[in-house]
Amino acid sequence: MADILLADDEEELLELVRFSLDAAGYNVTAVKNGKLALEESQKKRFDLIVLDVMMPIMDGYHAAAEINQDPNSPPILLLTSRDFDQDQAAIKGSGASAFLSKPFEVSELLETVRGLLNAK
């Protein structure tokens, strides 16, 4: 099954998303900020990366942009509680493949994950 890197600083959301992805059969590596996500992405090849936008040390936009410097980078899904219309340029500038607005349903998350993995 696919290897997914998950980064979110909100402990409850991190655990909910990790549990949901684990239950769906994915192998999940979870970290708590964008810098750690960047470091993990350089150590191991993931099939998908899921990043929260608002994290300490390095936010999801910057982590996505750094990860996307590698031409072989996997798809990146951004999770955001910010307004898409206001952040549209930042989302596009990060090179993310997709985004989900918080709050989201687990079924919506899993559908988006499957779609991104199948599009590879």
PDB file of N, CA and C in Angstrom:
ATOM      1  N   MET A   1       0.854  -1.187   0.000  1.00  0.00           N
ATOM      2  CA  MET A   1       0.000   0.000   0.000  1.00  0.00           C
ATOM      3  C   MET A   1       0.894   1.242   0.000  1.00  0.00           C
ATOM      4  N   ALA A   2       0.303   2.350  -0.273  1.00  0.00           N
ATOM      5  CA  ALA A   2       1.038   3.606  -0.437  1.00  0.00           C
ATOM      6  C   ALA A   2       1.608   4.125   0.882  1.00  0.00           C
ATOM      7  N   ASP A   3       2.771   4.775   0.767  1.00  0.00           N
ATOM      8  CA  ASP A   3       3.403   5.442   1.908  1.00  0.00           C
ATOM      9  C   ASP A   3       3.029   6.915   1.872  1.00  0.00           C
ATOM     10  N   ILE A   4       2.482   7.408   2.992  1.00  0.00           N
ATOM     11  CA  ILE A   4       2.027   8.794   3.082  1.00  0.00           C
ATOM     12  C   ILE A   4       2.745   9.498   4.221  1.00  0.00           C
ATOM     13  N   LEU A   5       3.234  10.689   3.941  1.00  0.00           N
ATOM     14  CA  LEU A   5       3.819  11.557   4.967  1.00  0.00           C
ATOM     15  C   LEU A   5       2.759  12.568   5.360  1.00  0.00           C
ATOM     16  N   LEU A   6       2.497  12.698   6.639  1.00  0.00           N
ATOM     17  CA  LEU A   6       1.474  13.591   7.183  1.00  0.00           C
ATOM     18  C   LEU A   6       2.125  14.567   8.144  1.00  0.00           C
ATOM     19  N   ALA A   7       1.857  15.864   7.967  1.00  0.00           N
ATOM     20  CA  ALA A   7       2.384  16.877   8.888  1.00  0.00           C
ATOM     21  C   ALA A   7       1.261  17.793   9.346  1.00  0.00           C
ATOM     22  N   ASP A   8       1.069  17.859  10.659  1.00  0.00           N
ATOM     23  CA  ASP A   8       0.078  18.756  11.252  1.00  0.00           C
ATOM     24  C   ASP A   8       0.469  18.989  12.699  1.00  0.00           C
ATOM     25  N   ASP A   9       0.389  20.233  13.151  1.00  0.00           N
ATOM     26  CA  ASP A   9       0.762  20.538  14.529  1.00  0.00           C
ATOM     27  C   ASP A   9      -0.395  20.367  15.508  1.00  0.00           C
ATOM     28  N   GLU A  10      -1.620  20.213  15.011  1.00  0.00           N
ATOM     29  CA  GLU A  10      -2.774  20.003  15.887  1.00  0.00           C
ATOM     30  C   GLU A  10      -2.854  18.508  16.215  1.00  0.00           C
ATOM     31  N   GLU A  11      -2.543  18.162  17.447  1.00  0.00           N
ATOM     32  CA  GLU A  11      -2.444  16.761  17.860  1.00  0.00           C
ATOM     33  C   GLU A  11      -3.704  15.963  17.547  1.00  0.00           C
ATOM     34  N   GLU A  12      -4.886  16.512  17.856  1.00  0.00           N
ATOM     35  CA  GLU A  12      -6.127  15.775  17.626  1.00  0.00           C
ATOM     36  C   GLU A  12      -6.355  15.503  16.142  1.00  0.00           C
ATOM     37  N   LEU A  13      -6.132  16.496  15.307  1.00  0.00           N
ATOM     38  CA  LEU A  13      -6.322  16.323  13.873  1.00  0.00           C
ATOM     39  C   LEU A  13      -5.265  15.377  13.306  1.00  0.00           C
ATOM     40  N   LEU A  14      -4.040  15.507  13.769  1.00  0.00           N
ATOM     41  CA  LEU A  14      -2.971  14.615  13.332  1.00  0.00           C
ATOM     42  C   LEU A  14      -3.351  13.164  13.605  1.00  0.00           C
ATOM     43  N   GLU A  15      -3.840  12.895  14.804  1.00  0.00           N
ATOM     44  CA  GLU A  15      -4.207  11.525  15.174  1.00  0.00           C
ATOM     45  C   GLU A  15      -5.431  11.043  14.406  1.00  0.00           C
ATOM     46  N   LEU A  16      -6.417  11.913  14.189  1.00  0.00           N
ATOM     47  CA  LEU A  16      -7.609  11.533  13.430  1.00  0.00           C
ATOM     48  C   LEU A  16      -7.243  11.174  11.994  1.00  0.00           C
ATOM     49  N   VAL A  17      -6.441  12.021  11.359  1.00  0.00           N
ATOM     50  CA  VAL A  17      -6.051  11.764   9.967  1.00  0.00           C
ATOM     51  C   VAL A  17      -5.165  10.529   9.900  1.00  0.00           C
ATOM     52  N   ARG A  18      -4.223  10.409  10.811  1.00  0.00           N
ATOM     53  CA  ARG A  18      -3.349   9.227  10.820  1.00  0.00           C
ATOM     54  C   ARG A  18      -4.168   7.949  10.991  1.00  0.00           C
ATOM     55  N   PHE A  19      -5.084   7.943  11.946  1.00  0.00           N
ATOM     56  CA  PHE A  19      -5.928   6.773  12.185  1.00  0.00           C
ATOM     57  C   PHE A  19      -6.758   6.445  10.947  1.00  0.00           C
ATOM     58  N   SER A  20      -7.346   7.456  10.329  1.00  0.00           N
ATOM     59  CA  SER A  20      -8.196   7.250   9.147  1.00  0.00           C
ATOM     60  C   SER A  20      -7.397   6.671   7.986  1.00  0.00           C
ATOM     61  N   LEU A  21      -6.206   7.201   7.766  1.00  0.00           N
ATOM     62  CA  LEU A  21      -5.359   6.696   6.683  1.00  0.00           C
ATOM     63  C   LEU A  21      -4.852   5.293   6.993  1.00  0.00           C
ATOM     64  N   ASP A  22      -4.466   5.047   8.244  1.00  0.00           N
ATOM     65  CA  ASP A  22      -4.041   3.702   8.660  1.00  0.00           C
ATOM     66  C   ASP A  22      -5.177   2.696   8.432  1.00  0.00           C
ATOM     67  N   ALA A  23      -6.387   3.073   8.854  1.00  0.00           N
ATOM     68  CA  ALA A  23      -7.544   2.185   8.730  1.00  0.00           C
ATOM     69  C   ALA A  23      -7.863   1.887   7.267  1.00  0.00           C
ATOM     70  N   ALA A  24      -7.528   2.822   6.378  1.00  0.00           N
ATOM     71  CA  ALA A  24      -7.759   2.626   4.947  1.00  0.00           C
ATOM     72  C   ALA A  24      -6.630   1.809   4.298  1.00  0.00           C
ATOM     73  N   GLY A  25      -5.626   1.438   5.098  1.00  0.00           N
ATOM     74  CA  GLY A  25      -4.568   0.569   4.608  1.00  0.00           C
ATOM     75  C   GLY A  25      -3.297   1.269   4.161  1.00  0.00           C
ATOM     76  N   TYR A  26      -3.178   2.559   4.435  1.00  0.00           N
ATOM     77  CA  TYR A  26      -1.976   3.291   4.039  1.00  0.00           C
ATOM     78  C   TYR A  26      -0.936   3.227   5.141  1.00  0.00           C
ATOM     79  N   ASN A  27       0.344   3.306   4.763  1.00  0.00           N
ATOM     80  CA  ASN A  27       1.445   3.393   5.723  1.00  0.00           C
ATOM     81  C   ASN A  27       1.703   4.871   5.959  1.00  0.00           C
ATOM     82  N   VAL A  28       1.548   5.323   7.194  1.00  0.00           N
ATOM     83  CA  VAL A  28       1.619   6.748   7.504  1.00  0.00           C
ATOM     84  C   VAL A  28       2.800   7.056   8.410  1.00  0.00           C
ATOM     85  N   THR A  29       3.574   8.066   8.004  1.00  0.00           N
ATOM     86  CA  THR A  29       4.609   8.653   8.846  1.00  0.00           C
ATOM     87  C   THR A  29       4.089  10.037   9.223  1.00  0.00           C
ATOM     88  N   ALA A  30       3.981  10.312  10.517  1.00  0.00           N
ATOM     89  CA  ALA A  30       3.408  11.586  10.974  1.00  0.00           C
ATOM     90  C   ALA A  30       4.455  12.427  11.685  1.00  0.00           C
ATOM     91  N   VAL A  31       4.461  13.728  11.362  1.00  0.00           N
ATOM     92  CA  VAL A  31       5.352  14.699  12.004  1.00  0.00           C
ATOM     93  C   VAL A  31       4.535  15.939  12.360  1.00  0.00           C
ATOM     94  N   LYS A  32       5.139  16.833  13.175  1.00  0.00           N
ATOM     95  CA  LYS A  32       4.374  17.950  13.722  1.00  0.00           C
ATOM     96  C   LYS A  32       4.695  19.326  13.159  1.00  0.00           C
ATOM     97  N   ASN A  33       5.557  19.405  12.138  1.00  0.00           N
ATOM     98  CA  ASN A  33       5.790  20.711  11.504  1.00  0.00           C
ATOM     99  C   ASN A  33       6.378  20.518  10.108  1.00  0.00           C
ATOM    100  N   GLY A  34       6.392  21.595   9.355  1.00  0.00           N
ATOM    101  CA  GLY A  34       6.840  21.538   7.978  1.00  0.00           C
ATOM    102  C   GLY A  34       8.314  21.226   7.818  1.00  0.00           C
ATOM    103  N   LYS A  35       9.126  21.684   8.751  1.00  0.00           N
ATOM    104  CA  LYS A  35      10.572  21.404   8.673  1.00  0.00           C
ATOM    105  C   LYS A  35      10.828  19.905   8.806  1.00  0.00           C
ATOM    106  N   LEU A  36      10.137  19.280   9.746  1.00  0.00           N
ATOM    107  CA  LEU A  36      10.283  17.829   9.906  1.00  0.00           C
ATOM    108  C   LEU A  36       9.743  17.088   8.684  1.00  0.00           C
ATOM    109  N   ALA A  37       8.674  17.609   8.076  1.00  0.00           N
ATOM    110  CA  ALA A  37       8.137  17.000   6.857  1.00  0.00           C
ATOM    111  C   ALA A  37       9.170  17.072   5.738  1.00  0.00           C
ATOM    112  N   LEU A  38       9.795  18.225   5.597  1.00  0.00           N
ATOM    113  CA  LEU A  38      10.833  18.385   4.575  1.00  0.00           C
ATOM    114  C   LEU A  38      11.970  17.398   4.814  1.00  0.00           C
ATOM    115  N   GLU A  39      12.417  17.292   6.057  1.00  0.00           N
ATOM    116  CA  GLU A  39      13.505  16.366   6.387  1.00  0.00           C
ATOM    117  C   GLU A  39      13.118  14.910   6.083  1.00  0.00           C
ATOM    118  N   GLU A  40      11.900  14.525   6.458  1.00  0.00           N
ATOM    119  CA  GLU A  40      11.450  13.148   6.202  1.00  0.00           C
ATOM    120  C   GLU A  40      11.355  12.882   4.701  1.00  0.00           C
ATOM    121  N   SER A  41      10.893  13.880   3.948  1.00  0.00           N
ATOM    122  CA  SER A  41      10.742  13.697   2.499  1.00  0.00           C
ATOM    123  C   SER A  41      12.095  13.537   1.804  1.00  0.00           C
ATOM    124  N   GLN A  42      13.149  14.022   2.453  1.00  0.00           N
ATOM    125  CA  GLN A  42      14.487  13.878   1.885  1.00  0.00           C
ATOM    126  C   GLN A  42      15.120  12.538   2.258  1.00  0.00           C
ATOM    127  N   LYS A  43      14.610  11.898   3.310  1.00  0.00           N
ATOM    128  CA  LYS A  43      15.135  10.610   3.762  1.00  0.00           C
ATOM    129  C   LYS A  43      14.475   9.428   3.062  1.00  0.00           C
ATOM    130  N   LYS A  44      13.195   9.590   2.730  1.00  0.00           N
ATOM    131  CA  LYS A  44      12.413   8.456   2.234  1.00  0.00           C
ATOM    132  C   LYS A  44      11.513   8.925   1.090  1.00  0.00           C
ATOM    133  N   ARG A  45      11.242   8.044   0.172  1.00  0.00           N
ATOM    134  CA  ARG A  45      10.357   8.341  -0.948  1.00  0.00           C
ATOM    135  C   ARG A  45       8.920   8.030  -0.536  1.00  0.00           C
ATOM    136  N   PHE A  46       8.063   9.037  -0.548  1.00  0.00           N
ATOM    137  CA  PHE A  46       6.652   8.860  -0.216  1.00  0.00           C
ATOM    138  C   PHE A  46       5.818   8.907  -1.488  1.00  0.00           C
ATOM    139  N   ASP A  47       4.643   8.300  -1.436  1.00  0.00           N
ATOM    140  CA  ASP A  47       3.717   8.313  -2.569  1.00  0.00           C
ATOM    141  C   ASP A  47       2.817   9.545  -2.533  1.00  0.00           C
ATOM    142  N   LEU A  48       2.646  10.126  -1.347  1.00  0.00           N
ATOM    143  CA  LEU A  48       1.797  11.302  -1.159  1.00  0.00           C
ATOM    144  C   LEU A  48       2.249  12.010   0.104  1.00  0.00           C
ATOM    145  N   ILE A  49       2.151  13.335   0.089  1.00  0.00           N
ATOM    146  CA  ILE A  49       2.457  14.124   1.277  1.00  0.00           C
ATOM    147  C   ILE A  49       1.235  14.981   1.604  1.00  0.00           C
ATOM    148  N   VAL A  50       0.812  14.948   2.859  1.00  0.00           N
ATOM    149  CA  VAL A  50      -0.322  15.725   3.335  1.00  0.00           C
ATOM    150  C   VAL A  50       0.205  16.730   4.360  1.00  0.00           C
ATOM    151  N   LEU A  51       0.028  18.024   4.058  1.00  0.00           N
ATOM    152  CA  LEU A  51       0.569  19.083   4.910  1.00  0.00           C
ATOM    153  C   LEU A  51      -0.513  20.033   5.382  1.00  0.00           C
ATOM    154  N   ASP A  52      -0.524  20.308   6.671  1.00  0.00           N
ATOM    155  CA  ASP A  52      -1.345  21.401   7.185  1.00  0.00           C
ATOM    156  C   ASP A  52      -0.689  22.703   6.733  1.00  0.00           C
ATOM    157  N   VAL A  53      -1.473  23.714   6.473  1.00  0.00           N
ATOM    158  CA  VAL A  53      -0.904  24.995   6.040  1.00  0.00           C
ATOM    159  C   VAL A  53      -0.279  25.738   7.215  1.00  0.00           C
ATOM    160  N   MET A  54      -0.998  25.878   8.312  1.00  0.00           N
ATOM    161  CA  MET A  54      -0.530  26.679   9.444  1.00  0.00           C
ATOM    162  C   MET A  54       0.167  25.797  10.475  1.00  0.00           C
ATOM    163  N   MET A  55       1.502  25.768  10.384  1.00  0.00           N
ATOM    164  CA  MET A  55       2.314  25.001  11.334  1.00  0.00           C
ATOM    165  C   MET A  55       3.483  25.854  11.791  1.00  0.00           C
ATOM    166  N   PRO A  56       4.007  25.566  12.979  1.00  0.00           N
ATOM    167  CA  PRO A  56       5.184  26.301  13.455  1.00  0.00           C
ATOM    168  C   PRO A  56       6.445  25.873  12.708  1.00  0.00           C
ATOM    169  N   ILE A  57       7.467  26.651  12.832  1.00  0.00           N
ATOM    170  CA  ILE A  57       8.806  26.425  12.284  1.00  0.00           C
ATOM    171  C   ILE A  57       8.816  26.591  10.766  1.00  0.00           C
ATOM    172  N   MET A  58       8.013  25.803  10.036  1.00  0.00           N
ATOM    173  CA  MET A  58       7.868  25.969   8.585  1.00  0.00           C
ATOM    174  C   MET A  58       6.421  25.618   8.229  1.00  0.00           C
ATOM    175  N   ASP A  59       5.730  26.561   7.588  1.00  0.00           N
ATOM    176  CA  ASP A  59       4.338  26.290   7.242  1.00  0.00           C
ATOM    177  C   ASP A  59       4.242  25.354   6.041  1.00  0.00           C
ATOM    178  N   GLY A  60       3.019  24.914   5.766  1.00  0.00           N
ATOM    179  CA  GLY A  60       2.792  23.965   4.687  1.00  0.00           C
ATOM    180  C   GLY A  60       3.122  24.502   3.308  1.00  0.00           C
ATOM    181  N   TYR A  61       2.891  25.798   3.088  1.00  0.00           N
ATOM    182  CA  TYR A  61       3.221  26.392   1.787  1.00  0.00           C
ATOM    183  C   TYR A  61       4.713  26.291   1.502  1.00  0.00           C
ATOM    184  N   HIS A  62       5.519  26.690   2.489  1.00  0.00           N
ATOM    185  CA  HIS A  62       6.972  26.659   2.299  1.00  0.00           C
ATOM    186  C   HIS A  62       7.514  25.240   2.214  1.00  0.00           C
ATOM    187  N   ALA A  63       6.964  24.356   3.038  1.00  0.00           N
ATOM    188  CA  ALA A  63       7.397  22.956   2.978  1.00  0.00           C
ATOM    189  C   ALA A  63       7.074  22.362   1.612  1.00  0.00           C
ATOM    190  N   ALA A  64       5.871  22.623   1.103  1.00  0.00           N
ATOM    191  CA  ALA A  64       5.478  22.108  -0.214  1.00  0.00           C
ATOM    192  C   ALA A  64       6.388  22.658  -1.305  1.00  0.00           C
ATOM    193  N   ALA A  65       6.658  23.953  -1.245  1.00  0.00           N
ATOM    194  CA  ALA A  65       7.521  24.565  -2.257  1.00  0.00           C
ATOM    195  C   ALA A  65       8.921  23.966  -2.225  1.00  0.00           C
ATOM    196  N   GLU A  66       9.450  23.729  -1.021  1.00  0.00           N
ATOM    197  CA  GLU A  66      10.782  23.112  -0.893  1.00  0.00           C
ATOM    198  C   GLU A  66      10.773  21.672  -1.407  1.00  0.00           C
ATOM    199  N   ILE A  67       9.763  20.921  -1.023  1.00  0.00           N
ATOM    200  CA  ILE A  67       9.670  19.524  -1.455  1.00  0.00           C
ATOM    201  C   ILE A  67       9.549  19.463  -2.979  1.00  0.00           C
ATOM    202  N   ASN A  68       8.803  20.392  -3.552  1.00  0.00           N
ATOM    203  CA  ASN A  68       8.596  20.404  -5.004  1.00  0.00           C
ATOM    204  C   ASN A  68       9.822  20.845  -5.789  1.00  0.00           C
ATOM    205  N   GLN A  69      10.910  21.203  -5.117  1.00  0.00           N
ATOM    206  CA  GLN A  69      12.164  21.485  -5.827  1.00  0.00           C
ATOM    207  C   GLN A  69      12.692  20.220  -6.490  1.00  0.00           C
ATOM    208  N   ASP A  70      12.330  19.069  -5.919  1.00  0.00           N
ATOM    209  CA  ASP A  70      12.709  17.785  -6.495  1.00  0.00           C
ATOM    210  C   ASP A  70      11.723  17.472  -7.622  1.00  0.00           C
ATOM    211  N   PRO A  71      12.209  17.296  -8.846  1.00  0.00           N
ATOM    212  CA  PRO A  71      11.294  17.031  -9.961  1.00  0.00           C
ATOM    213  C   PRO A  71      10.529  15.711  -9.826  1.00  0.00           C
ATOM    214  N   ASN A  72      10.987  14.828  -8.956  1.00  0.00           N
ATOM    215  CA  ASN A  72      10.309  13.552  -8.726  1.00  0.00           C
ATOM    216  C   ASN A  72       9.451  13.556  -7.462  1.00  0.00           C
ATOM    217  N   SER A  73       9.119  14.750  -6.968  1.00  0.00           N
ATOM    218  CA  SER A  73       8.344  14.830  -5.737  1.00  0.00           C
ATOM    219  C   SER A  73       6.949  14.244  -5.942  1.00  0.00           C
ATOM    220  N   PRO A  74       6.391  13.686  -4.871  1.00  0.00           N
ATOM    221  CA  PRO A  74       5.044  13.105  -4.968  1.00  0.00           C
ATOM    222  C   PRO A  74       3.981  14.202  -4.944  1.00  0.00           C
ATOM    223  N   PRO A  75       2.724  13.836  -5.200  1.00  0.00           N
ATOM    224  CA  PRO A  75       1.648  14.820  -5.050  1.00  0.00           C
ATOM    225  C   PRO A  75       1.595  15.318  -3.610  1.00  0.00           C
ATOM    226  N   ILE A  76       1.166  16.560  -3.450  1.00  0.00           N
ATOM    227  CA  ILE A  76       1.043  17.164  -2.122  1.00  0.00           C
ATOM    228  C   ILE A  76      -0.378  17.668  -1.940  1.00  0.00           C
ATOM    229  N   LEU A  77      -0.972  17.287  -0.814  1.00  0.00           N
ATOM    230  CA  LEU A  77      -2.306  17.729  -0.423  1.00  0.00           C
ATOM    231  C   LEU A  77      -2.162  18.692   0.742  1.00  0.00           C
ATOM    232  N   LEU A  78      -2.683  19.911   0.585  1.00  0.00           N
ATOM    233  CA  LEU A  78      -2.661  20.893   1.665  1.00  0.00           C
ATOM    234  C   LEU A  78      -3.987  20.874   2.414  1.00  0.00           C
ATOM    235  N   LEU A  79      -3.915  20.923   3.744  1.00  0.00           N
ATOM    236  CA  LEU A  79      -5.090  21.044   4.599  1.00  0.00           C
ATOM    237  C   LEU A  79      -5.096  22.459   5.150  1.00  0.00           C
ATOM    238  N   THR A  80      -6.181  23.197   4.935  1.00  0.00           N
ATOM    239  CA  THR A  80      -6.177  24.591   5.357  1.00  0.00           C
ATOM    240  C   THR A  80      -7.491  25.021   5.984  1.00  0.00           C
ATOM    241  N   SER A  81      -7.394  25.834   7.007  1.00  0.00           N
ATOM    242  CA  SER A  81      -8.581  26.454   7.593  1.00  0.00           C
ATOM    243  C   SER A  81      -8.696  27.896   7.109  1.00  0.00           C
ATOM    244  N   ARG A  82      -7.749  28.287   6.262  1.00  0.00           N
ATOM    245  CA  ARG A  82      -7.753  29.645   5.726  1.00  0.00           C
ATOM    246  C   ARG A  82      -8.687  29.722   4.528  1.00  0.00           C
ATOM    247  N   ASP A  83      -9.024  30.920   4.139  1.00  0.00           N
ATOM    248  CA  ASP A  83      -9.932  31.164   3.029  1.00  0.00           C
ATOM    249  C   ASP A  83      -9.229  30.902   1.702  1.00  0.00           C
ATOM    250  N   PHE A  84      -9.760  29.990   0.896  1.00  0.00           N
ATOM    251  CA  PHE A  84      -9.125  29.630  -0.370  1.00  0.00           C
ATOM    252  C   PHE A  84      -8.986  30.839  -1.290  1.00  0.00           C
ATOM    253  N   ASP A  85     -10.009  31.660  -1.375  1.00  0.00           N
ATOM    254  CA  ASP A  85      -9.950  32.813  -2.280  1.00  0.00           C
ATOM    255  C   ASP A  85      -8.792  33.740  -1.938  1.00  0.00           C
ATOM    256  N   GLN A  86      -8.546  33.950  -0.659  1.00  0.00           N
ATOM    257  CA  GLN A  86      -7.450  34.822  -0.234  1.00  0.00           C
ATOM    258  C   GLN A  86      -6.090  34.146  -0.399  1.00  0.00           C
ATOM    259  N   ASP A  87      -6.044  32.833  -0.301  1.00  0.00           N
ATOM    260  CA  ASP A  87      -4.777  32.097  -0.335  1.00  0.00           C
ATOM    261  C   ASP A  87      -4.512  31.401  -1.658  1.00  0.00           C
ATOM    262  N   GLN A  88      -5.320  31.654  -2.664  1.00  0.00           N
ATOM    263  CA  GLN A  88      -5.194  30.972  -3.943  1.00  0.00           C
ATOM    264  C   GLN A  88      -3.780  31.075  -4.526  1.00  0.00           C
ATOM    265  N   ALA A  89      -3.195  32.262  -4.488  1.00  0.00           N
ATOM    266  CA  ALA A  89      -1.852  32.449  -5.050  1.00  0.00           C
ATOM    267  C   ALA A  89      -0.817  31.635  -4.262  1.00  0.00           C
ATOM    268  N   ALA A  90      -0.936  31.623  -2.931  1.00  0.00           N
ATOM    269  CA  ALA A  90       0.012  30.867  -2.112  1.00  0.00           C
ATOM    270  C   ALA A  90      -0.132  29.364  -2.362  1.00  0.00           C
ATOM    271  N   ILE A  91      -1.359  28.891  -2.522  1.00  0.00           N
ATOM    272  CA  ILE A  91      -1.586  27.469  -2.791  1.00  0.00           C
ATOM    273  C   ILE A  91      -0.951  27.095  -4.130  1.00  0.00           C
ATOM    274  N   LYS A  92      -1.214  27.894  -5.152  1.00  0.00           N
ATOM    275  CA  LYS A  92      -0.636  27.616  -6.471  1.00  0.00           C
ATOM    276  C   LYS A  92       0.880  27.754  -6.444  1.00  0.00           C
ATOM    277  N   GLY A  93       1.394  28.759  -5.740  1.00  0.00           N
ATOM    278  CA  GLY A  93       2.833  28.976  -5.657  1.00  0.00           C
ATOM    279  C   GLY A  93       3.567  27.868  -4.944  1.00  0.00           C
ATOM    280  N   SER A  94       2.882  27.150  -4.077  1.00  0.00           N
ATOM    281  CA  SER A  94       3.515  26.057  -3.337  1.00  0.00           C
ATOM    282  C   SER A  94       3.706  24.824  -4.210  1.00  0.00           C
ATOM    283  N   GLY A  95       2.971  24.749  -5.297  1.00  0.00           N
ATOM    284  CA  GLY A  95       3.047  23.578  -6.152  1.00  0.00           C
ATOM    285  C   GLY A  95       2.202  22.417  -5.665  1.00  0.00           C
ATOM    286  N   ALA A  96       1.335  22.662  -4.691  1.00  0.00           N
ATOM    287  CA  ALA A  96       0.481  21.591  -4.173  1.00  0.00           C
ATOM    288  C   ALA A  96      -0.447  21.076  -5.266  1.00  0.00           C
ATOM    289  N   SER A  97      -0.744  19.803  -5.208  1.00  0.00           N
ATOM    290  CA  SER A  97      -1.617  19.157  -6.188  1.00  0.00           C
ATOM    291  C   SER A  97      -3.084  19.387  -5.884  1.00  0.00           C
ATOM    292  N   ALA A  98      -3.414  19.542  -4.597  1.00  0.00           N
ATOM    293  CA  ALA A  98      -4.807  19.703  -4.183  1.00  0.00           C
ATOM    294  C   ALA A  98      -4.830  20.298  -2.779  1.00  0.00           C
ATOM    295  N   PHE A  99      -6.025  20.721  -2.367  1.00  0.00           N
ATOM    296  CA  PHE A  99      -6.193  21.213  -1.005  1.00  0.00           C
ATOM    297  C   PHE A  99      -7.560  20.796  -0.498  1.00  0.00           C
ATOM    298  N   LEU A 100      -7.687  20.696   0.815  1.00  0.00           N
ATOM    299  CA  LEU A 100      -8.960  20.481   1.486  1.00  0.00           C
ATOM    300  C   LEU A 100      -9.124  21.558   2.527  1.00  0.00           C
ATOM    301  N   SER A 101     -10.315  22.123   2.598  1.00  0.00           N
ATOM    302  CA  SER A 101     -10.616  23.130   3.615  1.00  0.00           C
ATOM    303  C   SER A 101     -11.090  22.434   4.886  1.00  0.00           C
ATOM    304  N   LYS A 102     -10.559  22.891   6.008  1.00  0.00           N
ATOM    305  CA  LYS A 102     -11.006  22.401   7.319  1.00  0.00           C
ATOM    306  C   LYS A 102     -12.271  23.154   7.705  1.00  0.00           C
ATOM    307  N   PRO A 103     -13.196  22.525   8.372  1.00  0.00           N
ATOM    308  CA  PRO A 103     -13.233  21.090   8.674  1.00  0.00           C
ATOM    309  C   PRO A 103     -13.648  20.306   7.432  1.00  0.00           C
ATOM    310  N   PHE A 104     -13.208  19.063   7.359  1.00  0.00           N
ATOM    311  CA  PHE A 104     -13.556  18.194   6.244  1.00  0.00           C
ATOM    312  C   PHE A 104     -14.016  16.856   6.805  1.00  0.00           C
ATOM    313  N   GLU A 105     -14.752  16.137   5.993  1.00  0.00           N
ATOM    314  CA  GLU A 105     -15.206  14.799   6.368  1.00  0.00           C
ATOM    315  C   GLU A 105     -14.089  13.803   6.050  1.00  0.00           C
ATOM    316  N   VAL A 106     -13.971  12.770   6.843  1.00  0.00           N
ATOM    317  CA  VAL A 106     -12.960  11.738   6.605  1.00  0.00           C
ATOM    318  C   VAL A 106     -13.164  11.127   5.221  1.00  0.00           C
ATOM    319  N   SER A 107     -14.418  10.932   4.831  1.00  0.00           N
ATOM    320  CA  SER A 107     -14.688  10.357   3.507  1.00  0.00           C
ATOM    321  C   SER A 107     -14.154  11.262   2.400  1.00  0.00           C
ATOM    322  N   GLU A 108     -14.247  12.568   2.577  1.00  0.00           N
ATOM    323  CA  GLU A 108     -13.718  13.520   1.602  1.00  0.00           C
ATOM    324  C   GLU A 108     -12.191  13.438   1.543  1.00  0.00           C
ATOM    325  N   LEU A 109     -11.554  13.310   2.702  1.00  0.00           N
ATOM    326  CA  LEU A 109     -10.107  13.153   2.759  1.00  0.00           C
ATOM    327  C   LEU A 109      -9.673  11.892   2.014  1.00  0.00           C
ATOM    328  N   LEU A 110     -10.318  10.778   2.317  1.00  0.00           N
ATOM    329  CA  LEU A 110      -9.938   9.506   1.696  1.00  0.00           C
ATOM    330  C   LEU A 110     -10.182   9.524   0.193  1.00  0.00           C
ATOM    331  N   GLU A 111     -11.249  10.142  -0.233  1.00  0.00           N
ATOM    332  CA  GLU A 111     -11.536  10.251  -1.671  1.00  0.00           C
ATOM    333  C   GLU A 111     -10.454  11.078  -2.376  1.00  0.00           C
ATOM    334  N   THR A 112     -10.051  12.181  -1.748  1.00  0.00           N
ATOM    335  CA  THR A 112      -9.010  13.029  -2.325  1.00  0.00           C
ATOM    336  C   THR A 112      -7.673  12.288  -2.370  1.00  0.00           C
ATOM    337  N   VAL A 113      -7.340  11.587  -1.301  1.00  0.00           N
ATOM    338  CA  VAL A 113      -6.103  10.810  -1.244  1.00  0.00           C
ATOM    339  C   VAL A 113      -6.088   9.757  -2.351  1.00  0.00           C
ATOM    340  N   ARG A 114      -7.179   9.010  -2.477  1.00  0.00           N
ATOM    341  CA  ARG A 114      -7.248   7.992  -3.539  1.00  0.00           C
ATOM    342  C   ARG A 114      -7.095   8.618  -4.915  1.00  0.00           C
ATOM    343  N   GLY A 115      -7.746   9.749  -5.139  1.00  0.00           N
ATOM    344  CA  GLY A 115      -7.657  10.415  -6.424  1.00  0.00           C
ATOM    345  C   GLY A 115      -6.234  10.855  -6.749  1.00  0.00           C
ATOM    346  N   LEU A 116      -5.543  11.406  -5.769  1.00  0.00           N
ATOM    347  CA  LEU A 116      -4.164  11.852  -5.989  1.00  0.00           C
ATOM    348  C   LEU A 116      -3.227  10.678  -6.227  1.00  0.00           C
ATOM    349  N   LEU A 117      -3.421   9.601  -5.499  1.00  0.00           N
ATOM    350  CA  LEU A 117      -2.581   8.418  -5.684  1.00  0.00           C
ATOM    351  C   LEU A 117      -2.839   7.740  -7.025  1.00  0.00           C
ATOM    352  N   ASN A 118      -4.079   7.730  -7.463  1.00  0.00           N
ATOM    353  CA  ASN A 118      -4.422   7.109  -8.749  1.00  0.00           C
ATOM    354  C   ASN A 118      -3.972   7.959  -9.930  1.00  0.00           C
ATOM    355  N   ALA A 119      -3.807   9.258  -9.721  1.00  0.00           N
ATOM    356  CA  ALA A 119      -3.417  10.169 -10.797  1.00  0.00           C
ATOM    357  C   ALA A 119      -1.924  10.125 -11.080  1.00  0.00           C
ATOM    358  N   LYS A 120      -1.159   9.521 -10.179  1.00  0.00           N
ATOM    359  CA  LYS A 120       0.296   9.476 -10.321  1.00  0.00           C
ATOM    360  C   LYS A 120       0.723   8.785 -11.590  1.00  0.00           C
TER     361      LYS A 120
END
